[in-house]
Amino acid sequence: MRKKIAPNDIHRRLLNVYGDQTVDVSTVRWWVACFSSGDRDVKDKPRPDGHAQLSHHEMKSVSISKSARIGGLRLCMELNIGFNALGTMVETLEYRKVCARWVPRMLTQEHKEHRMPVCQDLLNQNEAEGDSFLDRIITGDEAWCHYYEPESKRQSMEWRHVNSPSKKMFKALPSAGKVMCTVFWTTKGVTLLDFLEPG
């Protein structure tokens, strides 16, 4: 590991020697991270029996509750367990990592108080008139559309064998040319679609 060998290559070498008895690649990654952080102790550290079955209280006492953004690797190091055990624990405790939901703007208290009676009026009207009320509503949205949008890293993901050459993707920026796309629709479908060139 001191030779700066990639975890995948180390795992491949272990497979050649130990075959099916080899630990999984996530464990090898964990070893490399521990060695890189300065931990050179190769002896087994004491751990509770059934390390994948920590109680909810024990799990909450670890960094998951202190910092919601803690990475899996750091959590494994703090708990002294492998990635598979962490995955089992997190799944058992029904934790999952989620991204923050993007919203256009932060509503003030005044905005929220104004929305309440407006929404209540709409609900009352819908209750009184039924579907005919919804059929009369037209809503719309607009967005800038570039002539060319580069493929995102997530969109470029594909299944590859461990021995396949890695795929390279060069950084590209959205094209300078763009149009404003405006769309209006009802319950029946799109009523207007318009493209406006920036002037």
N, C-alpha and C. Protein backbone atom coordinates (compact mmCIF):
# COMPACT_ATOMS: atom_id res chain seq x y z
N MET A 1 0.82 -1.19 0.00
CA MET A 1 0.00 0.00 0.00
C MET A 1 0.86 1.26 0.00
N ARG A 2 2.13 1.10 0.48
CA ARG A 2 3.02 2.25 0.47
C ARG A 2 3.45 2.59 -0.94
N LYS A 3 3.26 1.67 -1.89
CA LYS A 3 3.68 1.89 -3.26
C LYS A 3 2.64 2.68 -4.06
N LYS A 4 1.63 3.20 -3.37
CA LYS A 4 0.58 3.99 -4.03
C LYS A 4 -0.15 3.18 -5.09
N ILE A 5 -0.43 1.92 -4.80
CA ILE A 5 -1.19 1.07 -5.74
C ILE A 5 -2.67 1.32 -5.51
N ALA A 6 -3.43 1.42 -6.58
CA ALA A 6 -4.87 1.68 -6.47
C ALA A 6 -5.56 0.51 -5.78
N PRO A 7 -6.62 0.80 -4.98
CA PRO A 7 -7.34 -0.28 -4.28
C PRO A 7 -7.83 -1.39 -5.20
N ASN A 8 -8.30 -1.03 -6.40
CA ASN A 8 -8.79 -2.06 -7.35
C ASN A 8 -7.66 -3.01 -7.76
N ASP A 9 -6.44 -2.46 -7.94
CA ASP A 9 -5.30 -3.30 -8.31
C ASP A 9 -4.90 -4.21 -7.16
N ILE A 10 -4.94 -3.67 -5.93
CA ILE A 10 -4.64 -4.50 -4.75
C ILE A 10 -5.64 -5.64 -4.65
N HIS A 11 -6.92 -5.30 -4.85
CA HIS A 11 -7.97 -6.33 -4.78
C HIS A 11 -7.75 -7.41 -5.83
N ARG A 12 -7.34 -7.01 -7.04
CA ARG A 12 -7.08 -7.96 -8.12
C ARG A 12 -5.95 -8.92 -7.74
N ARG A 13 -4.91 -8.36 -7.12
CA ARG A 13 -3.78 -9.21 -6.70
C ARG A 13 -4.21 -10.20 -5.60
N LEU A 14 -5.03 -9.71 -4.67
CA LEU A 14 -5.55 -10.59 -3.61
C LEU A 14 -6.38 -11.72 -4.20
N LEU A 15 -7.19 -11.39 -5.23
CA LEU A 15 -8.01 -12.42 -5.90
C LEU A 15 -7.14 -13.50 -6.51
N ASN A 16 -6.00 -13.10 -7.11
CA ASN A 16 -5.10 -14.06 -7.73
C ASN A 16 -4.53 -15.03 -6.71
N VAL A 17 -4.31 -14.56 -5.47
CA VAL A 17 -3.71 -15.40 -4.43
C VAL A 17 -4.77 -16.18 -3.66
N TYR A 18 -5.84 -15.48 -3.22
CA TYR A 18 -6.82 -16.10 -2.31
C TYR A 18 -8.11 -16.55 -2.98
N GLY A 19 -8.32 -16.18 -4.24
CA GLY A 19 -9.53 -16.61 -4.95
C GLY A 19 -10.81 -16.12 -4.29
N ASP A 20 -11.78 -17.02 -4.15
CA ASP A 20 -13.09 -16.66 -3.60
C ASP A 20 -13.06 -16.25 -2.13
N GLN A 21 -11.97 -16.56 -1.43
CA GLN A 21 -11.87 -16.23 0.00
C GLN A 21 -11.43 -14.78 0.22
N THR A 22 -11.20 -14.05 -0.86
CA THR A 22 -10.73 -12.66 -0.76
C THR A 22 -11.81 -11.74 -0.22
N VAL A 23 -11.40 -10.76 0.58
CA VAL A 23 -12.34 -9.73 1.05
C VAL A 23 -12.81 -8.90 -0.15
N ASP A 24 -13.95 -8.20 0.00
CA ASP A 24 -14.45 -7.42 -1.14
C ASP A 24 -13.64 -6.13 -1.29
N VAL A 25 -13.80 -5.49 -2.46
CA VAL A 25 -12.99 -4.32 -2.80
C VAL A 25 -13.27 -3.14 -1.86
N SER A 26 -14.48 -3.05 -1.30
CA SER A 26 -14.77 -1.95 -0.37
C SER A 26 -13.92 -2.05 0.88
N THR A 27 -13.63 -3.29 1.33
CA THR A 27 -12.77 -3.48 2.50
C THR A 27 -11.35 -3.05 2.17
N VAL A 28 -10.90 -3.38 0.96
CA VAL A 28 -9.55 -2.97 0.54
C VAL A 28 -9.46 -1.45 0.50
N ARG A 29 -10.51 -0.79 -0.01
CA ARG A 29 -10.52 0.68 -0.03
C ARG A 29 -10.42 1.24 1.39
N TRP A 30 -11.11 0.59 2.32
CA TRP A 30 -11.08 1.02 3.71
C TRP A 30 -9.67 0.87 4.28
N TRP A 31 -9.00 -0.27 3.98
CA TRP A 31 -7.63 -0.47 4.44
C TRP A 31 -6.72 0.64 3.93
N VAL A 32 -6.85 0.93 2.63
CA VAL A 32 -5.99 1.96 2.01
C VAL A 32 -6.23 3.31 2.68
N ALA A 33 -7.49 3.62 2.95
CA ALA A 33 -7.81 4.90 3.60
C ALA A 33 -7.21 4.96 5.00
N CYS A 34 -7.29 3.85 5.74
CA CYS A 34 -6.71 3.81 7.09
C CYS A 34 -5.20 4.02 7.04
N PHE A 35 -4.53 3.33 6.10
CA PHE A 35 -3.07 3.47 5.98
C PHE A 35 -2.70 4.89 5.55
N SER A 36 -3.49 5.45 4.64
CA SER A 36 -3.20 6.80 4.15
C SER A 36 -3.37 7.84 5.25
N SER A 37 -4.26 7.58 6.21
CA SER A 37 -4.50 8.54 7.30
C SER A 37 -3.46 8.40 8.42
N GLY A 38 -2.53 7.46 8.27
CA GLY A 38 -1.46 7.32 9.27
C GLY A 38 -1.62 6.13 10.18
N ASP A 39 -2.71 5.37 10.08
CA ASP A 39 -2.92 4.20 10.93
C ASP A 39 -2.16 3.02 10.33
N ARG A 40 -1.02 2.65 10.92
CA ARG A 40 -0.19 1.57 10.39
C ARG A 40 -0.36 0.27 11.18
N ASP A 41 -1.28 0.25 12.15
CA ASP A 41 -1.50 -0.93 12.98
C ASP A 41 -2.29 -1.98 12.20
N VAL A 42 -1.67 -3.15 11.98
CA VAL A 42 -2.33 -4.20 11.19
C VAL A 42 -2.98 -5.27 12.08
N LYS A 43 -2.92 -5.08 13.42
CA LYS A 43 -3.55 -6.05 14.31
C LYS A 43 -5.04 -5.78 14.40
N ASP A 44 -5.82 -6.84 14.63
CA ASP A 44 -7.27 -6.69 14.80
C ASP A 44 -7.57 -5.84 16.01
N LYS A 45 -8.47 -4.90 15.86
CA LYS A 45 -8.90 -4.06 16.98
C LYS A 45 -10.13 -4.70 17.61
N PRO A 46 -10.30 -4.54 18.95
CA PRO A 46 -11.50 -5.12 19.58
C PRO A 46 -12.75 -4.46 19.05
N ARG A 47 -13.79 -5.26 18.81
CA ARG A 47 -15.07 -4.74 18.35
C ARG A 47 -16.18 -5.54 19.00
N PRO A 48 -17.37 -4.97 19.14
CA PRO A 48 -18.45 -5.71 19.76
C PRO A 48 -18.86 -6.90 18.92
N ASP A 49 -19.37 -7.96 19.59
CA ASP A 49 -19.86 -9.12 18.85
C ASP A 49 -21.00 -8.69 17.94
N GLY A 50 -21.05 -9.27 16.74
CA GLY A 50 -22.10 -8.90 15.80
C GLY A 50 -21.99 -7.43 15.45
N HIS A 51 -20.81 -7.01 14.89
CA HIS A 51 -20.51 -5.60 14.67
C HIS A 51 -21.54 -4.90 13.80
N ALA A 52 -22.31 -5.66 13.03
CA ALA A 52 -23.30 -5.02 12.15
C ALA A 52 -24.62 -4.80 12.86
N GLN A 53 -24.65 -5.06 14.17
CA GLN A 53 -25.92 -4.98 14.88
C GLN A 53 -25.85 -3.99 16.04
N LEU A 54 -25.20 -2.85 15.83
CA LEU A 54 -25.17 -1.82 16.86
C LEU A 54 -26.59 -1.33 17.10
N SER A 55 -26.87 -0.95 18.35
CA SER A 55 -28.21 -0.47 18.67
C SER A 55 -28.43 0.91 18.10
N HIS A 56 -29.68 1.32 18.05
CA HIS A 56 -30.03 2.64 17.53
C HIS A 56 -29.34 3.72 18.36
N HIS A 57 -29.29 3.52 19.68
CA HIS A 57 -28.65 4.50 20.56
C HIS A 57 -27.17 4.62 20.25
N GLU A 58 -26.51 3.45 20.04
CA GLU A 58 -25.08 3.48 19.72
C GLU A 58 -24.83 4.16 18.39
N MET A 59 -25.68 3.88 17.42
CA MET A 59 -25.51 4.48 16.10
C MET A 59 -25.68 5.99 16.18
N LYS A 60 -26.71 6.44 16.96
CA LYS A 60 -26.96 7.87 17.08
C LYS A 60 -25.81 8.56 17.81
N SER A 61 -25.11 7.81 18.68
CA SER A 61 -24.02 8.42 19.44
C SER A 61 -22.80 8.66 18.56
N VAL A 62 -22.75 8.02 17.41
CA VAL A 62 -21.64 8.22 16.49
C VAL A 62 -21.91 9.45 15.63
N SER A 63 -21.03 9.70 14.70
CA SER A 63 -21.06 10.97 13.97
C SER A 63 -22.26 11.16 13.06
N ILE A 64 -23.06 10.12 12.81
CA ILE A 64 -24.19 10.30 11.89
C ILE A 64 -25.13 11.38 12.41
N SER A 65 -25.26 11.46 13.74
CA SER A 65 -26.14 12.48 14.31
C SER A 65 -25.41 13.80 14.52
N LYS A 66 -24.08 13.75 14.64
CA LYS A 66 -23.31 14.98 14.85
C LYS A 66 -23.18 15.76 13.55
N SER A 67 -22.97 15.06 12.46
CA SER A 67 -22.81 15.73 11.18
C SER A 67 -23.50 14.90 10.11
N ALA A 68 -24.59 15.42 9.58
CA ALA A 68 -25.35 14.68 8.57
C ALA A 68 -24.55 14.48 7.30
N ARG A 69 -23.50 15.27 7.08
CA ARG A 69 -22.74 15.18 5.84
C ARG A 69 -21.51 14.29 5.94
N ILE A 70 -21.37 13.58 7.04
CA ILE A 70 -20.19 12.73 7.20
C ILE A 70 -20.16 11.67 6.11
N GLY A 71 -18.98 11.37 5.60
CA GLY A 71 -18.84 10.38 4.55
C GLY A 71 -18.84 8.96 5.11
N GLY A 72 -19.17 8.00 4.25
CA GLY A 72 -19.22 6.61 4.67
C GLY A 72 -17.88 6.09 5.16
N LEU A 73 -16.79 6.53 4.51
CA LEU A 73 -15.46 6.06 4.88
C LEU A 73 -15.11 6.50 6.29
N ARG A 74 -15.38 7.77 6.62
CA ARG A 74 -15.07 8.28 7.96
C ARG A 74 -15.93 7.57 9.01
N LEU A 75 -17.17 7.31 8.66
CA LEU A 75 -18.07 6.62 9.58
C LEU A 75 -17.55 5.21 9.86
N CYS A 76 -17.09 4.52 8.81
CA CYS A 76 -16.52 3.18 8.99
C CYS A 76 -15.31 3.22 9.91
N MET A 77 -14.47 4.25 9.75
CA MET A 77 -13.27 4.35 10.56
C MET A 77 -13.64 4.63 12.03
N GLU A 78 -14.64 5.48 12.25
CA GLU A 78 -15.06 5.79 13.61
C GLU A 78 -15.67 4.58 14.30
N LEU A 79 -16.44 3.77 13.54
CA LEU A 79 -17.09 2.60 14.11
C LEU A 79 -16.20 1.36 14.08
N ASN A 80 -15.07 1.47 13.33
CA ASN A 80 -14.16 0.34 13.16
C ASN A 80 -14.86 -0.85 12.52
N ILE A 81 -15.57 -0.59 11.43
CA ILE A 81 -16.25 -1.65 10.69
C ILE A 81 -16.02 -1.45 9.20
N GLY A 82 -16.39 -2.45 8.40
CA GLY A 82 -16.27 -2.36 6.95
C GLY A 82 -17.51 -1.75 6.32
N PHE A 83 -17.42 -1.50 5.00
CA PHE A 83 -18.54 -0.88 4.29
C PHE A 83 -19.79 -1.74 4.29
N ASN A 84 -19.61 -3.06 4.17
CA ASN A 84 -20.78 -3.95 4.15
C ASN A 84 -21.54 -3.89 5.47
N ALA A 85 -20.80 -3.89 6.58
CA ALA A 85 -21.45 -3.81 7.90
C ALA A 85 -22.15 -2.47 8.06
N LEU A 86 -21.51 -1.40 7.58
CA LEU A 86 -22.14 -0.08 7.65
C LEU A 86 -23.42 -0.06 6.84
N GLY A 87 -23.38 -0.65 5.64
CA GLY A 87 -24.57 -0.69 4.78
C GLY A 87 -25.72 -1.41 5.46
N THR A 88 -25.41 -2.52 6.13
CA THR A 88 -26.44 -3.28 6.85
C THR A 88 -27.04 -2.44 7.97
N MET A 89 -26.16 -1.76 8.73
CA MET A 89 -26.64 -0.93 9.85
C MET A 89 -27.53 0.20 9.37
N VAL A 90 -27.04 0.91 8.36
CA VAL A 90 -27.78 2.07 7.85
C VAL A 90 -29.14 1.63 7.32
N GLU A 91 -29.17 0.49 6.62
CA GLU A 91 -30.42 -0.02 6.08
C GLU A 91 -31.37 -0.44 7.20
N THR A 92 -30.83 -1.09 8.24
CA THR A 92 -31.65 -1.53 9.36
C THR A 92 -32.27 -0.35 10.10
N LEU A 93 -31.49 0.72 10.26
CA LEU A 93 -31.95 1.90 10.97
C LEU A 93 -32.74 2.85 10.08
N GLU A 94 -32.88 2.49 8.80
CA GLU A 94 -33.66 3.26 7.82
C GLU A 94 -33.11 4.67 7.60
N TYR A 95 -31.77 4.77 7.62
CA TYR A 95 -31.11 6.01 7.22
C TYR A 95 -30.87 5.95 5.73
N ARG A 96 -30.86 7.10 5.07
CA ARG A 96 -30.43 7.15 3.68
C ARG A 96 -29.90 8.53 3.39
N LYS A 97 -28.98 8.63 2.45
CA LYS A 97 -28.38 9.91 2.14
C LYS A 97 -29.19 10.57 1.03
N VAL A 98 -29.63 11.79 1.26
CA VAL A 98 -30.45 12.49 0.28
C VAL A 98 -29.88 13.88 0.04
N CYS A 99 -30.14 14.40 -1.14
CA CYS A 99 -29.72 15.75 -1.48
C CYS A 99 -30.80 16.74 -1.03
N ALA A 100 -30.37 17.96 -0.77
CA ALA A 100 -31.33 19.01 -0.42
C ALA A 100 -32.21 19.29 -1.65
N ARG A 101 -33.48 19.55 -1.41
CA ARG A 101 -34.40 19.85 -2.52
C ARG A 101 -34.24 21.30 -2.91
N TRP A 102 -34.05 21.55 -4.21
CA TRP A 102 -33.86 22.91 -4.70
C TRP A 102 -35.21 23.59 -4.81
N VAL A 103 -35.30 24.81 -4.30
CA VAL A 103 -36.51 25.62 -4.43
C VAL A 103 -36.12 26.98 -5.00
N PRO A 104 -37.00 27.59 -5.81
CA PRO A 104 -36.63 28.84 -6.49
C PRO A 104 -36.24 29.97 -5.53
N ARG A 105 -36.98 30.14 -4.44
CA ARG A 105 -36.65 31.23 -3.52
C ARG A 105 -37.15 30.92 -2.12
N MET A 106 -36.56 31.62 -1.15
CA MET A 106 -36.96 31.45 0.24
C MET A 106 -38.19 32.31 0.51
N LEU A 107 -39.27 31.69 0.99
CA LEU A 107 -40.49 32.44 1.28
C LEU A 107 -40.39 33.14 2.63
N THR A 108 -40.82 34.39 2.67
CA THR A 108 -40.87 35.11 3.94
C THR A 108 -42.12 34.68 4.70
N GLN A 109 -42.21 35.07 5.96
CA GLN A 109 -43.40 34.76 6.75
C GLN A 109 -44.64 35.40 6.14
N GLU A 110 -44.47 36.60 5.58
CA GLU A 110 -45.59 37.31 4.93
C GLU A 110 -46.10 36.52 3.73
N HIS A 111 -45.18 35.99 2.92
CA HIS A 111 -45.55 35.17 1.77
C HIS A 111 -46.36 33.95 2.20
N LYS A 112 -45.86 33.29 3.25
CA LYS A 112 -46.53 32.07 3.72
C LYS A 112 -47.94 32.38 4.23
N GLU A 113 -48.07 33.49 4.95
CA GLU A 113 -49.38 33.86 5.48
C GLU A 113 -50.36 34.25 4.36
N HIS A 114 -49.83 34.82 3.26
CA HIS A 114 -50.67 35.19 2.12
C HIS A 114 -51.13 33.94 1.35
N ARG A 115 -50.22 32.95 1.26
CA ARG A 115 -50.54 31.74 0.49
C ARG A 115 -51.67 30.94 1.13
N MET A 116 -51.74 30.96 2.43
CA MET A 116 -52.72 30.14 3.14
C MET A 116 -54.16 30.45 2.72
N PRO A 117 -54.62 31.72 2.79
CA PRO A 117 -56.00 31.99 2.37
C PRO A 117 -56.22 31.79 0.87
N VAL A 118 -55.20 32.07 0.04
CA VAL A 118 -55.34 31.86 -1.41
C VAL A 118 -55.57 30.38 -1.70
N CYS A 119 -54.76 29.52 -1.08
CA CYS A 119 -54.91 28.07 -1.28
C CYS A 119 -56.26 27.58 -0.77
N GLN A 120 -56.69 28.13 0.37
CA GLN A 120 -57.97 27.72 0.93
C GLN A 120 -59.12 28.11 0.00
N ASP A 121 -59.04 29.32 -0.62
CA ASP A 121 -60.06 29.76 -1.59
C ASP A 121 -60.12 28.81 -2.78
N LEU A 122 -58.94 28.42 -3.29
CA LEU A 122 -58.89 27.51 -4.44
C LEU A 122 -59.49 26.14 -4.08
N LEU A 123 -59.19 25.64 -2.89
CA LEU A 123 -59.75 24.36 -2.46
C LEU A 123 -61.27 24.44 -2.33
N ASN A 124 -61.76 25.56 -1.77
CA ASN A 124 -63.20 25.74 -1.64
C ASN A 124 -63.89 25.79 -3.00
N GLN A 125 -63.26 26.50 -3.94
CA GLN A 125 -63.83 26.62 -5.29
C GLN A 125 -63.83 25.27 -6.00
N ASN A 126 -62.75 24.51 -5.83
CA ASN A 126 -62.66 23.18 -6.44
C ASN A 126 -63.73 22.25 -5.85
N GLU A 127 -63.96 22.36 -4.55
CA GLU A 127 -64.97 21.53 -3.89
C GLU A 127 -66.37 21.87 -4.40
N ALA A 128 -66.60 23.15 -4.68
CA ALA A 128 -67.92 23.60 -5.13
C ALA A 128 -68.17 23.25 -6.60
N GLU A 129 -67.13 23.40 -7.46
CA GLU A 129 -67.32 23.24 -8.91
C GLU A 129 -66.79 21.93 -9.47
N GLY A 130 -65.94 21.25 -8.74
CA GLY A 130 -65.41 19.97 -9.21
C GLY A 130 -64.41 20.13 -10.35
N ASP A 131 -64.39 19.15 -11.26
CA ASP A 131 -63.40 19.12 -12.34
C ASP A 131 -63.52 20.30 -13.31
N SER A 132 -64.69 20.87 -13.44
CA SER A 132 -64.84 22.00 -14.37
C SER A 132 -63.98 23.19 -13.92
N PHE A 133 -63.77 23.31 -12.61
CA PHE A 133 -62.89 24.38 -12.10
C PHE A 133 -61.44 24.12 -12.50
N LEU A 134 -60.99 22.87 -12.33
CA LEU A 134 -59.61 22.52 -12.68
C LEU A 134 -59.37 22.66 -14.19
N ASP A 135 -60.37 22.34 -15.00
CA ASP A 135 -60.22 22.43 -16.46
C ASP A 135 -60.00 23.86 -16.94
N ARG A 136 -60.37 24.85 -16.14
CA ARG A 136 -60.24 26.25 -16.57
C ARG A 136 -58.89 26.86 -16.14
N ILE A 137 -58.12 26.12 -15.36
CA ILE A 137 -56.83 26.66 -14.89
C ILE A 137 -55.76 26.48 -15.96
N ILE A 138 -55.04 27.57 -16.23
CA ILE A 138 -53.89 27.53 -17.13
C ILE A 138 -52.66 27.89 -16.30
N THR A 139 -51.64 27.07 -16.36
CA THR A 139 -50.40 27.35 -15.63
C THR A 139 -49.23 27.33 -16.60
N GLY A 140 -48.14 27.91 -16.21
CA GLY A 140 -47.01 28.00 -17.13
C GLY A 140 -45.68 28.02 -16.41
N ASP A 141 -44.61 27.90 -17.20
CA ASP A 141 -43.25 27.96 -16.66
C ASP A 141 -42.32 28.36 -17.79
N GLU A 142 -41.13 28.79 -17.43
CA GLU A 142 -40.15 29.18 -18.44
C GLU A 142 -38.76 28.75 -17.99
N ALA A 143 -37.87 28.52 -18.96
CA ALA A 143 -36.51 28.10 -18.65
C ALA A 143 -35.60 28.43 -19.82
N TRP A 144 -34.34 28.73 -19.53
CA TRP A 144 -33.35 28.95 -20.60
C TRP A 144 -32.90 27.59 -21.12
N CYS A 145 -32.92 27.42 -22.43
CA CYS A 145 -32.47 26.17 -23.07
C CYS A 145 -31.26 26.47 -23.94
N HIS A 146 -30.14 25.83 -23.64
CA HIS A 146 -28.94 26.00 -24.45
C HIS A 146 -29.06 25.17 -25.72
N TYR A 147 -28.42 25.65 -26.79
CA TYR A 147 -28.42 24.88 -28.04
C TYR A 147 -27.76 23.52 -27.82
N TYR A 148 -26.77 23.50 -26.91
CA TYR A 148 -26.07 22.25 -26.63
C TYR A 148 -25.87 22.13 -25.13
N GLU A 149 -26.34 21.05 -24.52
CA GLU A 149 -26.16 20.77 -23.09
C GLU A 149 -25.24 19.55 -22.96
N PRO A 150 -24.05 19.71 -22.35
CA PRO A 150 -23.16 18.55 -22.22
C PRO A 150 -23.76 17.47 -21.33
N GLU A 151 -23.38 16.23 -21.60
CA GLU A 151 -23.86 15.10 -20.80
C GLU A 151 -23.29 15.19 -19.39
N SER A 152 -24.12 14.98 -18.40
CA SER A 152 -23.64 15.04 -17.01
C SER A 152 -22.89 13.76 -16.67
N LYS A 153 -22.15 13.81 -15.56
CA LYS A 153 -21.39 12.63 -15.13
C LYS A 153 -22.33 11.47 -14.85
N ARG A 154 -23.47 11.76 -14.20
CA ARG A 154 -24.44 10.70 -13.88
C ARG A 154 -25.02 10.09 -15.16
N GLN A 155 -25.30 10.94 -16.17
CA GLN A 155 -25.86 10.43 -17.43
C GLN A 155 -24.87 9.55 -18.17
N SER A 156 -23.57 9.77 -17.94
CA SER A 156 -22.55 9.00 -18.66
C SER A 156 -22.25 7.66 -18.00
N MET A 157 -22.88 7.37 -16.85
CA MET A 157 -22.59 6.12 -16.14
C MET A 157 -23.03 4.90 -16.96
N GLU A 158 -22.22 3.88 -16.94
CA GLU A 158 -22.57 2.63 -17.62
C GLU A 158 -21.88 1.47 -16.92
N TRP A 159 -22.42 0.27 -17.09
CA TRP A 159 -21.85 -0.91 -16.45
C TRP A 159 -20.55 -1.29 -17.15
N ARG A 160 -19.50 -1.51 -16.37
CA ARG A 160 -18.21 -1.92 -16.91
C ARG A 160 -17.65 -3.04 -16.07
N HIS A 161 -16.91 -3.95 -16.70
CA HIS A 161 -16.23 -5.01 -15.96
C HIS A 161 -15.03 -4.41 -15.25
N VAL A 162 -14.60 -5.03 -14.16
CA VAL A 162 -13.50 -4.49 -13.37
C VAL A 162 -12.22 -4.37 -14.19
N ASN A 163 -12.05 -5.22 -15.22
CA ASN A 163 -10.84 -5.17 -16.05
C ASN A 163 -10.99 -4.28 -17.27
N SER A 164 -12.17 -3.71 -17.49
CA SER A 164 -12.39 -2.83 -18.65
C SER A 164 -11.62 -1.53 -18.47
N PRO A 165 -11.14 -0.95 -19.59
CA PRO A 165 -10.47 0.35 -19.48
C PRO A 165 -11.46 1.42 -19.03
N SER A 166 -10.96 2.37 -18.23
CA SER A 166 -11.86 3.41 -17.72
C SER A 166 -12.26 4.36 -18.84
N LYS A 167 -13.49 4.82 -18.78
CA LYS A 167 -14.02 5.73 -19.80
C LYS A 167 -13.65 7.16 -19.41
N LYS A 168 -13.21 7.95 -20.38
CA LYS A 168 -12.84 9.34 -20.11
C LYS A 168 -13.90 10.27 -20.69
N MET A 169 -14.15 11.34 -19.96
CA MET A 169 -15.11 12.34 -20.43
C MET A 169 -14.47 13.70 -20.25
N PHE A 170 -14.36 14.45 -21.33
CA PHE A 170 -13.72 15.75 -21.26
C PHE A 170 -14.73 16.81 -20.83
N LYS A 171 -14.26 17.73 -20.01
CA LYS A 171 -15.15 18.76 -19.49
C LYS A 171 -15.64 19.64 -20.63
N ALA A 172 -16.94 19.86 -20.69
CA ALA A 172 -17.53 20.72 -21.72
C ALA A 172 -18.53 21.65 -21.06
N LEU A 173 -18.62 22.85 -21.58
CA LEU A 173 -19.55 23.84 -21.04
C LEU A 173 -20.77 23.94 -21.95
N PRO A 174 -21.93 24.33 -21.39
CA PRO A 174 -23.10 24.55 -22.24
C PRO A 174 -22.79 25.61 -23.30
N SER A 175 -23.38 25.47 -24.48
CA SER A 175 -23.12 26.43 -25.55
C SER A 175 -23.59 27.81 -25.13
N ALA A 176 -22.94 28.84 -25.71
CA ALA A 176 -23.31 30.22 -25.40
C ALA A 176 -24.70 30.54 -25.92
N GLY A 177 -25.05 29.95 -27.09
CA GLY A 177 -26.36 30.21 -27.68
C GLY A 177 -27.48 29.58 -26.87
N LYS A 178 -28.52 30.35 -26.59
CA LYS A 178 -29.63 29.82 -25.82
C LYS A 178 -30.92 30.55 -26.17
N VAL A 179 -32.03 29.92 -25.86
CA VAL A 179 -33.35 30.53 -26.07
C VAL A 179 -34.17 30.37 -24.80
N MET A 180 -35.11 31.31 -24.60
CA MET A 180 -36.03 31.19 -23.48
C MET A 180 -37.23 30.38 -23.93
N CYS A 181 -37.45 29.25 -23.28
CA CYS A 181 -38.60 28.39 -23.61
C CYS A 181 -39.71 28.67 -22.62
N THR A 182 -40.89 29.05 -23.14
CA THR A 182 -42.06 29.31 -22.29
C THR A 182 -43.16 28.33 -22.67
N VAL A 183 -43.74 27.70 -21.67
CA VAL A 183 -44.80 26.73 -21.95
C VAL A 183 -45.98 26.98 -21.01
N PHE A 184 -47.21 26.90 -21.57
CA PHE A 184 -48.44 27.00 -20.79
C PHE A 184 -49.26 25.74 -21.04
N TRP A 185 -49.93 25.24 -20.00
CA TRP A 185 -50.72 24.03 -20.18
C TRP A 185 -51.93 24.01 -19.25
N THR A 186 -52.89 23.16 -19.62
CA THR A 186 -54.09 22.93 -18.81
C THR A 186 -54.17 21.45 -18.49
N THR A 187 -55.27 21.01 -17.92
CA THR A 187 -55.44 19.58 -17.64
C THR A 187 -55.52 18.76 -18.92
N LYS A 188 -55.85 19.43 -20.03
CA LYS A 188 -55.98 18.74 -21.32
C LYS A 188 -54.64 18.58 -22.04
N GLY A 189 -53.64 19.37 -21.65
CA GLY A 189 -52.34 19.31 -22.31
C GLY A 189 -51.76 20.69 -22.56
N VAL A 190 -50.69 20.77 -23.37
CA VAL A 190 -49.99 22.03 -23.66
C VAL A 190 -50.87 22.91 -24.55
N THR A 191 -51.00 24.18 -24.15
CA THR A 191 -51.80 25.13 -24.96
C THR A 191 -50.91 26.09 -25.73
N LEU A 192 -49.69 26.35 -25.22
CA LEU A 192 -48.77 27.28 -25.90
C LEU A 192 -47.32 26.92 -25.57
N LEU A 193 -46.51 26.86 -26.62
CA LEU A 193 -45.07 26.62 -26.46
C LEU A 193 -44.37 27.68 -27.29
N ASP A 194 -43.53 28.49 -26.63
CA ASP A 194 -42.91 29.61 -27.33
C ASP A 194 -41.42 29.66 -27.04
N PHE A 195 -40.61 30.02 -28.08
CA PHE A 195 -39.16 30.15 -27.92
C PHE A 195 -38.78 31.59 -28.24
N LEU A 196 -38.06 32.23 -27.32
CA LEU A 196 -37.68 33.62 -27.50
C LEU A 196 -36.18 33.74 -27.47
N GLU A 197 -35.59 34.26 -28.58
CA GLU A 197 -34.16 34.48 -28.66
C GLU A 197 -33.80 35.70 -27.79
N PRO A 198 -32.67 35.64 -27.05
CA PRO A 198 -32.27 36.83 -26.28
C PRO A 198 -31.94 37.98 -27.22
N GLY A 199 -32.40 39.16 -26.90
CA GLY A 199 -32.20 40.30 -27.79
C GLY A 199 -31.09 41.11 -27.30
